C-alpha atoms as a PDB file:
ATOM      1  CA  MET A   1      20.997 -27.628   7.698  1.00  0.00           C
ATOM      2  CA  ASN A   2      22.455 -26.933   3.886  1.00  0.00           C
ATOM      3  CA  ILE A   3      25.243 -23.412   2.995  1.00  0.00           C
ATOM      4  CA  ARG A   4      22.004 -22.179   1.693  1.00  0.00           C
ATOM      5  CA  ASP A   5      19.218 -22.810   4.478  1.00  0.00           C
ATOM      6  CA  GLY A   6      22.201 -21.588   7.183  1.00  0.00           C
ATOM      7  CA  VAL A   7      22.701 -18.212   4.705  1.00  0.00           C
ATOM      8  CA  LEU A   8      18.985 -17.803   4.577  1.00  0.00           C
ATOM      9  CA  GLY A   9      18.293 -18.092   8.443  1.00  0.00           C
ATOM     10  CA  LEU A  10      21.192 -15.773   8.638  1.00  0.00           C
ATOM     11  CA  VAL A  11      19.679 -13.246   6.608  1.00  0.00           C
ATOM     12  CA  THR A  12      16.456 -13.352   7.864  1.00  0.00           C
ATOM     13  CA  LEU A  13      17.901 -12.917  11.914  1.00  0.00           C
ATOM     14  CA  ALA A  14      20.163 -10.122  10.304  1.00  0.00           C
ATOM     15  CA  ALA A  15      16.994  -8.029   8.918  1.00  0.00           C
ATOM     16  CA  VAL A  16      15.003  -8.805  11.961  1.00  0.00           C
ATOM     17  CA  ALA A  17      17.536  -7.846  14.400  1.00  0.00           C
ATOM     18  CA  THR A  18      18.573  -4.559  12.684  1.00  0.00           C
ATOM     19  CA  ALA A  19      14.623  -3.274  12.710  1.00  0.00           C
ATOM     20  CA  LEU A  20      14.468  -4.382  16.264  1.00  0.00           C
ATOM     21  CA  SER A  21      17.461  -2.819  16.855  1.00  0.00           C
ATOM     22  CA  ILE A  22      16.365   0.868  15.645  1.00  0.00           C
ATOM     23  CA  ALA A  23      13.508   2.924  16.753  1.00  0.00           C
ATOM     24  CA  PRO A  24       9.993   2.590  15.874  1.00  0.00           C
ATOM     25  CA  VAL A  25       9.002   4.472  12.255  1.00  0.00           C
ATOM     26  CA  PRO A  26       5.836   6.487  12.305  1.00  0.00           C
ATOM     27  CA  GLN A  27       4.734   7.515   8.400  1.00  0.00           C
ATOM     28  CA  ASP A  28       5.809  11.068   7.668  1.00  0.00           C
ATOM     29  CA  PRO A  29       2.726  12.844   6.758  1.00  0.00           C
ATOM     30  CA  ALA A  30       4.433  14.083   3.550  1.00  0.00           C
ATOM     31  CA  TYR A  31       4.886  11.008   2.324  1.00  0.00           C
ATOM     32  CA  HIS A  32       0.547  11.657   0.922  1.00  0.00           C
ATOM     33  CA  ASP A  33       2.581  15.667  -0.781  1.00  0.00           C
ATOM     34  CA  PHE A  34       2.663  13.898  -3.928  1.00  0.00           C
ATOM     35  CA  ALA A  35       5.007  15.572  -6.675  1.00  0.00           C
ATOM     36  CA  ASP A  36       1.737  15.886  -9.149  1.00  0.00           C
ATOM     37  CA  GLN A  37      -1.424  17.228  -7.120  1.00  0.00           C
ATOM     38  CA  ARG A  38      -3.508  17.722 -11.292  1.00  0.00           C
ATOM     39  CA  THR A  39      -7.134  17.457 -11.972  1.00  0.00           C
ATOM     40  CA  ILE A  40      -7.548  16.069 -15.287  1.00  0.00           C
ATOM     41  CA  LEU A  41     -11.312  15.024 -15.958  1.00  0.00           C
ATOM     42  CA  GLY A  42     -11.865  15.609 -12.806  1.00  0.00           C
ATOM     43  CA  ILE A  43     -10.200  13.141 -11.095  1.00  0.00           C
ATOM     44  CA  ALA A  44      -7.446  14.027  -8.741  1.00  0.00           C
ATOM     45  CA  HIS A  45      -4.126  13.441  -9.380  1.00  0.00           C
ATOM     46  CA  PHE A  46      -4.990  12.114 -11.852  1.00  0.00           C
ATOM     47  CA  TRP A  47      -1.601  10.429 -13.088  1.00  0.00           C
ATOM     48  CA  ASN A  48      -1.233   8.551  -9.757  1.00  0.00           C
ATOM     49  CA  VAL A  49      -4.834   7.516 -10.377  1.00  0.00           C
ATOM     50  CA  ALA A  50      -4.766   5.952 -14.230  1.00  0.00           C
ATOM     51  CA  SER A  51      -0.993   5.009 -13.599  1.00  0.00           C
ATOM     52  CA  ASN A  52      -2.556   1.835 -11.797  1.00  0.00           C
ATOM     53  CA  LEU A  53      -4.439   0.591 -14.408  1.00  0.00           C
ATOM     54  CA  PRO A  54      -1.361  -2.407 -15.826  1.00  0.00           C
ATOM     55  CA  PHE A  55      -1.667  -3.645 -12.527  1.00  0.00           C
ATOM     56  CA  LEU A  56      -5.120  -4.783 -13.318  1.00  0.00           C
ATOM     57  CA  LEU A  57      -3.928  -5.571 -16.763  1.00  0.00           C
ATOM     58  CA  VAL A  58      -1.099  -7.485 -16.169  1.00  0.00           C
ATOM     59  CA  GLY A  59      -2.839  -9.947 -12.847  1.00  0.00           C
ATOM     60  CA  ALA A  60      -6.265 -10.466 -15.894  1.00  0.00           C
ATOM     61  CA  LEU A  61      -4.199 -11.621 -18.268  1.00  0.00           C
ATOM     62  CA  GLY A  62      -1.970 -14.213 -15.860  1.00  0.00           C
ATOM     63  CA  LEU A  63      -5.560 -15.563 -14.848  1.00  0.00           C
ATOM     64  CA  ALA A  64      -5.750 -15.965 -18.476  1.00  0.00           C
ATOM     65  CA  ALA A  65      -2.623 -17.604 -18.754  1.00  0.00           C
ATOM     66  CA  THR A  66      -2.935 -19.781 -15.977  1.00  0.00           C
ATOM     67  CA  SER A  67      -3.862 -23.310 -18.740  1.00  0.00           C
ATOM     68  CA  ARG A  68      -0.168 -22.330 -19.691  1.00  0.00           C
ATOM     69  CA  LEU A  69       1.927 -22.892 -15.620  1.00  0.00           C
ATOM     70  CA  HIS A  70       4.304 -24.553 -16.366  1.00  0.00           C
ATOM     71  CA  ALA A  71       3.576 -27.729 -14.190  1.00  0.00           C
ATOM     72  CA  ALA A  72       6.413 -26.944 -11.318  1.00  0.00           C
ATOM     73  CA  THR A  73       4.611 -23.860 -10.698  1.00  0.00           C
ATOM     74  CA  HIS A  74       2.549 -23.449  -7.019  1.00  0.00           C
ATOM     75  CA  ARG A  75      -0.258 -22.739  -8.498  1.00  0.00           C
ATOM     76  CA  PRO A  76      -2.122 -21.529  -6.007  1.00  0.00           C
ATOM     77  CA  ALA A  77       0.862 -18.983  -5.184  1.00  0.00           C
ATOM     78  CA  TYR A  78       0.086 -18.263  -8.394  1.00  0.00           C
ATOM     79  CA  LEU A  79      -3.499 -17.356  -8.493  1.00  0.00           C
ATOM     80  CA  ILE A  80      -3.459 -15.676  -5.131  1.00  0.00           C
ATOM     81  CA  TYR A  81      -0.136 -13.408  -6.429  1.00  0.00           C
ATOM     82  CA  CYS A  82      -2.432 -12.644  -9.683  1.00  0.00           C
ATOM     83  CA  THR A  83      -5.161 -11.494  -7.797  1.00  0.00           C
ATOM     84  CA  GLY A  84      -3.512  -9.322  -5.604  1.00  0.00           C
ATOM     85  CA  VAL A  85      -1.576  -7.692  -8.591  1.00  0.00           C
ATOM     86  CA  MET A  86      -5.913  -6.733  -9.583  1.00  0.00           C
ATOM     87  CA  LEU A  87      -6.229  -6.053  -5.282  1.00  0.00           C
ATOM     88  CA  VAL A  88      -2.786  -3.603  -5.859  1.00  0.00           C
ATOM     89  CA  ALA A  89      -4.915  -1.589  -9.050  1.00  0.00           C
ATOM     90  CA  LEU A  90      -8.097  -0.946  -6.811  1.00  0.00           C
ATOM     91  CA  GLY A  91      -6.216  -0.161  -3.522  1.00  0.00           C
ATOM     92  CA  SER A  92      -3.688   2.095  -4.846  1.00  0.00           C
ATOM     93  CA  THR A  93      -6.214   3.965  -6.892  1.00  0.00           C
ATOM     94  CA  TRP A  94      -8.208   3.862  -4.057  1.00  0.00           C
ATOM     95  CA  TYR A  95      -5.551   5.617  -2.260  1.00  0.00           C
ATOM     96  CA  HIS A  96      -4.739   8.074  -4.708  1.00  0.00           C
ATOM     97  CA  LEU A  97      -7.926   9.433  -5.647  1.00  0.00           C
ATOM     98  CA  ALA A  98      -7.773  10.794  -1.656  1.00  0.00           C
ATOM     99  CA  PRO A  99      -4.219  10.709  -0.155  1.00  0.00           C
ATOM    100  CA  SER A 100      -4.566  10.162   2.451  1.00  0.00           C
ATOM    101  CA  THR A 101      -3.543   7.569   5.954  1.00  0.00           C
ATOM    102  CA  GLU A 102      -5.736   6.017   6.101  1.00  0.00           C
ATOM    103  CA  THR A 103      -6.735   4.934   2.309  1.00  0.00           C
ATOM    104  CA  LEU A 104      -2.703   4.106   2.212  1.00  0.00           C
ATOM    105  CA  LEU A 105      -4.309   0.878   5.232  1.00  0.00           C
ATOM    106  CA  TRP A 106      -6.040  -0.560   1.645  1.00  0.00           C
ATOM    107  CA  ASP A 107      -3.530   0.304  -1.455  1.00  0.00           C
ATOM    108  CA  ARG A 108       0.044  -1.410   1.139  1.00  0.00           C
ATOM    109  CA  LEU A 109      -2.755  -4.929   2.227  1.00  0.00           C
ATOM    110  CA  PRO A 110      -2.710  -6.039  -1.187  1.00  0.00           C
ATOM    111  CA  MET A 111       0.798  -5.118  -1.854  1.00  0.00           C
ATOM    112  CA  THR A 112       1.739  -7.745   0.818  1.00  0.00           C
ATOM    113  CA  VAL A 113      -1.263 -10.298  -0.483  1.00  0.00           C
ATOM    114  CA  ALA A 114       1.624  -9.784  -3.898  1.00  0.00           C
ATOM    115  CA  PHE A 115       4.839  -9.881  -1.652  1.00  0.00           C
ATOM    116  CA  MET A 116       4.213 -13.005   0.268  1.00  0.00           C
ATOM    117  CA  ALA A 117       2.722 -15.196  -3.048  1.00  0.00           C
ATOM    118  CA  PHE A 118       5.702 -14.484  -5.638  1.00  0.00           C
ATOM    119  CA  LEU A 119       8.500 -15.466  -2.241  1.00  0.00           C
ATOM    120  CA  ALA A 120       6.016 -18.942  -1.701  1.00  0.00           C
ATOM    121  CA  MET A 121       6.693 -19.429  -5.177  1.00  0.00           C
ATOM    122  CA  VAL A 122       9.715 -18.684  -5.368  1.00  0.00           C
ATOM    123  CA  ILE A 123      10.428 -20.945  -2.123  1.00  0.00           C
ATOM    124  CA  GLY A 124       8.458 -23.594  -3.804  1.00  0.00           C
ATOM    125  CA  ASP A 125      10.731 -23.835  -6.912  1.00  0.00           C
ATOM    126  CA  ARG A 126      14.315 -23.911  -6.061  1.00  0.00           C
ATOM    127  CA  ILE A 127      13.690 -25.252  -2.621  1.00  0.00           C
ATOM    128  CA  SER A 128      10.740 -27.634  -1.921  1.00  0.00           C
ATOM    129  CA  SER A 129       7.287 -27.788  -3.578  1.00  0.00           C
ATOM    130  CA  ALA A 130       5.842 -28.820  -0.063  1.00  0.00           C
ATOM    131  CA  LEU A 131       7.024 -26.248   1.678  1.00  0.00           C
ATOM    132  CA  GLY A 132       5.961 -23.216  -0.818  1.00  0.00           C
ATOM    133  CA  ARG A 133       2.330 -24.646   0.122  1.00  0.00           C
ATOM    134  CA  THR A 134       3.086 -24.533   3.617  1.00  0.00           C
ATOM    135  CA  LEU A 135       4.495 -21.232   4.075  1.00  0.00           C
ATOM    136  CA  LEU A 136       2.625 -19.755   1.876  1.00  0.00           C
ATOM    137  CA  TRP A 137      -0.724 -19.127   3.877  1.00  0.00           C
ATOM    138  CA  PRO A 138       1.374 -18.349   7.159  1.00  0.00           C
ATOM    139  CA  LEU A 139       3.417 -15.091   4.745  1.00  0.00           C
ATOM    140  CA  LEU A 140      -0.070 -13.748   3.692  1.00  0.00           C
ATOM    141  CA  ALA A 141      -0.806 -14.035   7.308  1.00  0.00           C
ATOM    142  CA  ALA A 142       2.674 -12.086   8.590  1.00  0.00           C
ATOM    143  CA  GLY A 143       1.932  -9.416   5.397  1.00  0.00           C
ATOM    144  CA  ALA A 144      -1.495  -8.411   6.334  1.00  0.00           C
ATOM    145  CA  ALA A 145      -0.517  -8.538   9.349  1.00  0.00           C
ATOM    146  CA  SER A 146       2.360  -6.428   9.339  1.00  0.00           C
ATOM    147  CA  VAL A 147       0.102  -3.627   7.493  1.00  0.00           C
ATOM    148  CA  GLY A 148      -2.555  -4.127  10.464  1.00  0.00           C
ATOM    149  CA  TYR A 149      -0.267  -3.105  13.074  1.00  0.00           C
ATOM    150  CA  TRP A 150       1.685  -0.167  11.183  1.00  0.00           C
ATOM    151  CA  TYR A 151      -1.983   1.068  11.054  1.00  0.00           C
ATOM    152  CA  TRP A 152      -3.153  -0.096  14.175  1.00  0.00           C
ATOM    153  CA  SER A 153       0.076   2.234  15.666  1.00  0.00           C
ATOM    154  CA  GLU A 154      -0.611   4.749  13.571  1.00  0.00           C
ATOM    155  CA  LEU A 155      -4.168   5.040  15.098  1.00  0.00           C
ATOM    156  CA  ALA A 156      -2.183   4.884  18.889  1.00  0.00           C
ATOM    157  CA  GLY A 157      -0.163   7.728  17.677  1.00  0.00           C
ATOM    158  CA  ARG A 158       3.108   5.901  18.146  1.00  0.00           C
ATOM    159  CA  GLY A 159       2.573   4.565  14.690  1.00  0.00           C
ATOM    160  CA  ASP A 160       5.707   2.199  13.724  1.00  0.00           C
ATOM    161  CA  LEU A 161       6.618   1.263   9.769  1.00  0.00           C
ATOM    162  CA  ARG A 162       9.180  -1.642  10.821  1.00  0.00           C
ATOM    163  CA  PRO A 163       7.468  -4.736  10.523  1.00  0.00           C
ATOM    164  CA  TYR A 164       5.764  -3.187   7.082  1.00  0.00           C
ATOM    165  CA  GLY A 165       9.185  -2.674   5.965  1.00  0.00           C
ATOM    166  CA  LEU A 166      10.463  -5.438   6.513  1.00  0.00           C
ATOM    167  CA  VAL A 167       7.720  -7.437   3.915  1.00  0.00           C
ATOM    168  CA  GLN A 168       8.274  -5.577   1.472  1.00  0.00           C
ATOM    169  CA  PHE A 169      12.066  -5.786   1.398  1.00  0.00           C
ATOM    170  CA  LEU A 170      13.589  -9.376   3.030  1.00  0.00           C
ATOM    171  CA  PRO A 171      11.190 -11.483   0.551  1.00  0.00           C
ATOM    172  CA  MET A 172      13.260  -9.368  -2.597  1.00  0.00           C
ATOM    173  CA  LEU A 173      16.343 -10.121  -0.893  1.00  0.00           C
ATOM    174  CA  LEU A 174      15.908 -13.671   0.671  1.00  0.00           C
ATOM    175  CA  ILE A 175      14.003 -14.578  -3.428  1.00  0.00           C
ATOM    176  CA  ALA A 176      17.699 -13.294  -4.223  1.00  0.00           C
ATOM    177  CA  ILE A 177      19.568 -15.601  -2.266  1.00  0.00           C
ATOM    178  CA  LEU A 178      17.932 -17.588  -3.277  1.00  0.00           C
ATOM    179  CA  LEU A 179      17.638 -17.630  -7.021  1.00  0.00           C
ATOM    180  CA  LEU A 180      22.098 -17.451  -6.817  1.00  0.00           C
ATOM    181  CA  MET A 181      22.077 -20.522  -4.538  1.00  0.00           C
ATOM    182  CA  SER A 182      20.115 -22.618  -6.015  1.00  0.00           C
ATOM    183  CA  ARG A 183      18.830 -24.287  -9.403  1.00  0.00           C
ATOM    184  CA  GLY A 184      14.216 -24.921  -9.592  1.00  0.00           C
ATOM    185  CA  PRO A 185      12.663 -27.015 -12.577  1.00  0.00           C
ATOM    186  CA  GLY A 186       9.987 -24.172 -13.336  1.00  0.00           C
ATOM    187  CA  LEU A 187      10.661 -20.804 -12.159  1.00  0.00           C
ATOM    188  CA  ARG A 188      13.105 -19.321 -15.248  1.00  0.00           C
ATOM    189  CA  GLY A 189      15.172 -17.106 -13.114  1.00  0.00           C
ATOM    190  CA  GLY A 190      16.266 -14.660 -15.859  1.00  0.00           C
ATOM    191  CA  TRP A 191      12.219 -13.524 -15.595  1.00  0.00           C
ATOM    192  CA  VAL A 192      12.770 -13.847 -11.404  1.00  0.00           C
ATOM    193  CA  TRP A 193      15.669 -11.234 -12.007  1.00  0.00           C
ATOM    194  CA  ALA A 194      14.500  -8.422 -14.346  1.00  0.00           C
ATOM    195  CA  SER A 195      11.621  -8.489 -11.140  1.00  0.00           C
ATOM    196  CA  LEU A 196      13.448  -8.088  -9.250  1.00  0.00           C
ATOM    197  CA  ALA A 197      15.005  -5.363 -11.441  1.00  0.00           C
ATOM    198  CA  PHE A 198      12.081  -3.495 -12.333  1.00  0.00           C
ATOM    199  CA  TYR A 199      10.910  -3.270  -8.929  1.00  0.00           C
ATOM    200  CA  ALA A 200      13.835  -1.863  -8.208  1.00  0.00           C
ATOM    201  CA  ALA A 201      13.930   0.917 -10.648  1.00  0.00           C
ATOM    202  CA  ALA A 202      10.087   1.285  -8.909  1.00  0.00           C
ATOM    203  CA  LYS A 203      11.480   2.413  -5.578  1.00  0.00           C
ATOM    204  CA  LEU A 204      14.310   4.695  -7.581  1.00  0.00           C
ATOM    205  CA  ALA A 205      11.210   5.851  -9.687  1.00  0.00           C
ATOM    206  CA  GLU A 206       9.081   6.773  -6.292  1.00  0.00           C
ATOM    207  CA  PHE A 207      12.900   8.258  -3.840  1.00  0.00           C
ATOM    208  CA  PHE A 208      12.613  10.896  -7.798  1.00  0.00           C
ATOM    209  CA  ASP A 209       9.315  11.728  -7.327  1.00  0.00           C
ATOM    210  CA  ALA A 210       9.582  15.266  -7.845  1.00  0.00           C
ATOM    211  CA  GLY A 211      12.407  15.406  -9.864  1.00  0.00           C
ATOM    212  CA  ILE A 212      11.275  12.993 -12.367  1.00  0.00           C
ATOM    213  CA  LEU A 213       8.023  15.148 -12.344  1.00  0.00           C
ATOM    214  CA  GLY A 214      10.479  18.111 -13.169  1.00  0.00           C
ATOM    215  CA  LEU A 215      12.686  17.008 -15.657  1.00  0.00           C
ATOM    216  CA  THR A 216       9.963  15.656 -18.142  1.00  0.00           C
ATOM    217  CA  SER A 217       7.358  17.841 -16.987  1.00  0.00           C
ATOM    218  CA  GLY A 218       4.976  15.613 -17.570  1.00  0.00           C
ATOM    219  CA  PHE A 219       5.677  12.581 -15.529  1.00  0.00           C
ATOM    220  CA  SER A 220       5.866  12.475 -12.393  1.00  0.00           C
ATOM    221  CA  GLY A 221       8.469   9.278 -10.848  1.00  0.00           C
ATOM    222  CA  HIS A 222       5.310   8.439  -8.564  1.00  0.00           C
ATOM    223  CA  SER A 223       3.490   7.545 -11.451  1.00  0.00           C
ATOM    224  CA  LEU A 224       6.350   6.038 -13.523  1.00  0.00           C
ATOM    225  CA  LYS A 225       7.330   3.383 -10.387  1.00  0.00           C
ATOM    226  CA  HIS A 226       3.333   2.385 -10.880  1.00  0.00           C
ATOM    227  CA  LEU A 227       4.621   1.719 -14.289  1.00  0.00           C
ATOM    228  CA  LEU A 228       7.932  -0.225 -13.000  1.00  0.00           C
ATOM    229  CA  ALA A 229       5.862  -2.115 -10.632  1.00  0.00           C
ATOM    230  CA  ALA A 230       3.269  -3.432 -12.885  1.00  0.00           C
ATOM    231  CA  VAL A 231       6.400  -4.514 -15.259  1.00  0.00           C
ATOM    232  CA  ALA A 232       8.206  -6.643 -13.177  1.00  0.00           C
ATOM    233  CA  ALA A 233       4.645  -8.168 -11.989  1.00  0.00           C
ATOM    234  CA  GLY A 234       4.201  -8.879 -15.845  1.00  0.00           C
ATOM    235  CA  CYS A 235       8.516 -10.239 -15.818  1.00  0.00           C
ATOM    236  CA  THR A 236       7.370 -12.724 -11.909  1.00  0.00           C
ATOM    237  CA  LEU A 237       4.226 -14.291 -14.207  1.00  0.00           C
ATOM    238  CA  ARG A 238       6.258 -14.286 -17.094  1.00  0.00           C
ATOM    239  CA  SER A 239       8.650 -16.742 -15.454  1.00  0.00           C
ATOM    240  CA  SER A 240       6.155 -19.000 -14.391  1.00  0.00           C
ATOM    241  CA  LEU A 241       4.387 -20.484 -18.198  1.00  0.00           C
ATOM    242  CA  GLU A 242       5.558 -22.454 -20.325  1.00  0.00           C
ATOM    243  CA  SER A 243       6.168 -20.392 -23.222  1.00  0.00           C
ATOM    244  CA  GLY A 244       8.894 -18.692 -21.431  1.00  0.00           C
ATOM    245  CA  ARG A 245      10.699 -21.146 -20.164  1.00  0.00           C
ATOM    246  CA  VAL A 246      10.966 -21.831 -24.046  1.00  0.00           C
ATOM    247  CA  LEU A 247      11.395 -18.738 -24.955  1.00  0.00           C
ATOM    248  CA  THR A 248      13.984 -17.339 -23.091  1.00  0.00           C
ATOM    249  CA  ARG A 249      16.273 -20.914 -23.680  1.00  0.00           C
END
């Protein structure tokens, strides 16, 4: 085992141990009370719904650009990532039309598809293509299971977001470590870093949902989160394309 693999293993174990050491985290009922409640053109929560359209566009453009994939890019993970991003648009739209625990399930499931496919892509590029292929389906299954467990726990009256929290944040940390400690033949690191940065900005915008709406008097932090996360997805896809390698040298 080399230093990189040791660091990845220790960080993963520490994250899992930390999650298990804290009490179960139920879904806050106030989570569904977004700052922007406006109905426009007969569509409830209009901007939180409409701001999902970029996900559909980014995912579709990614699929259309498949012929431009760098030869070293893990093609199945890339295609699943694109599909996951498109499904985020549909799941998030469904949720924001009528926010509830039941509809949130369909918002979170496709997000785990994107998170885990992204991680498999980076593992395949920065460690080995064989390992990326081997881990793709177990990672996707773990992501789906985290959402399924959360939903089951909520129905059972003892909600627990800890596994879903790991699936959402641990891959981003592992990807950052891989970028710092390894080089790969396919993905351009600058675009992957940009993806992580835009995703972090998206989470900040989500946290300041009402504050951003108050400042802009028209666009909430949650709607901005969708736009920033779609840009993050676009950066991930850009990192995989041949033209991206030429333009970012």
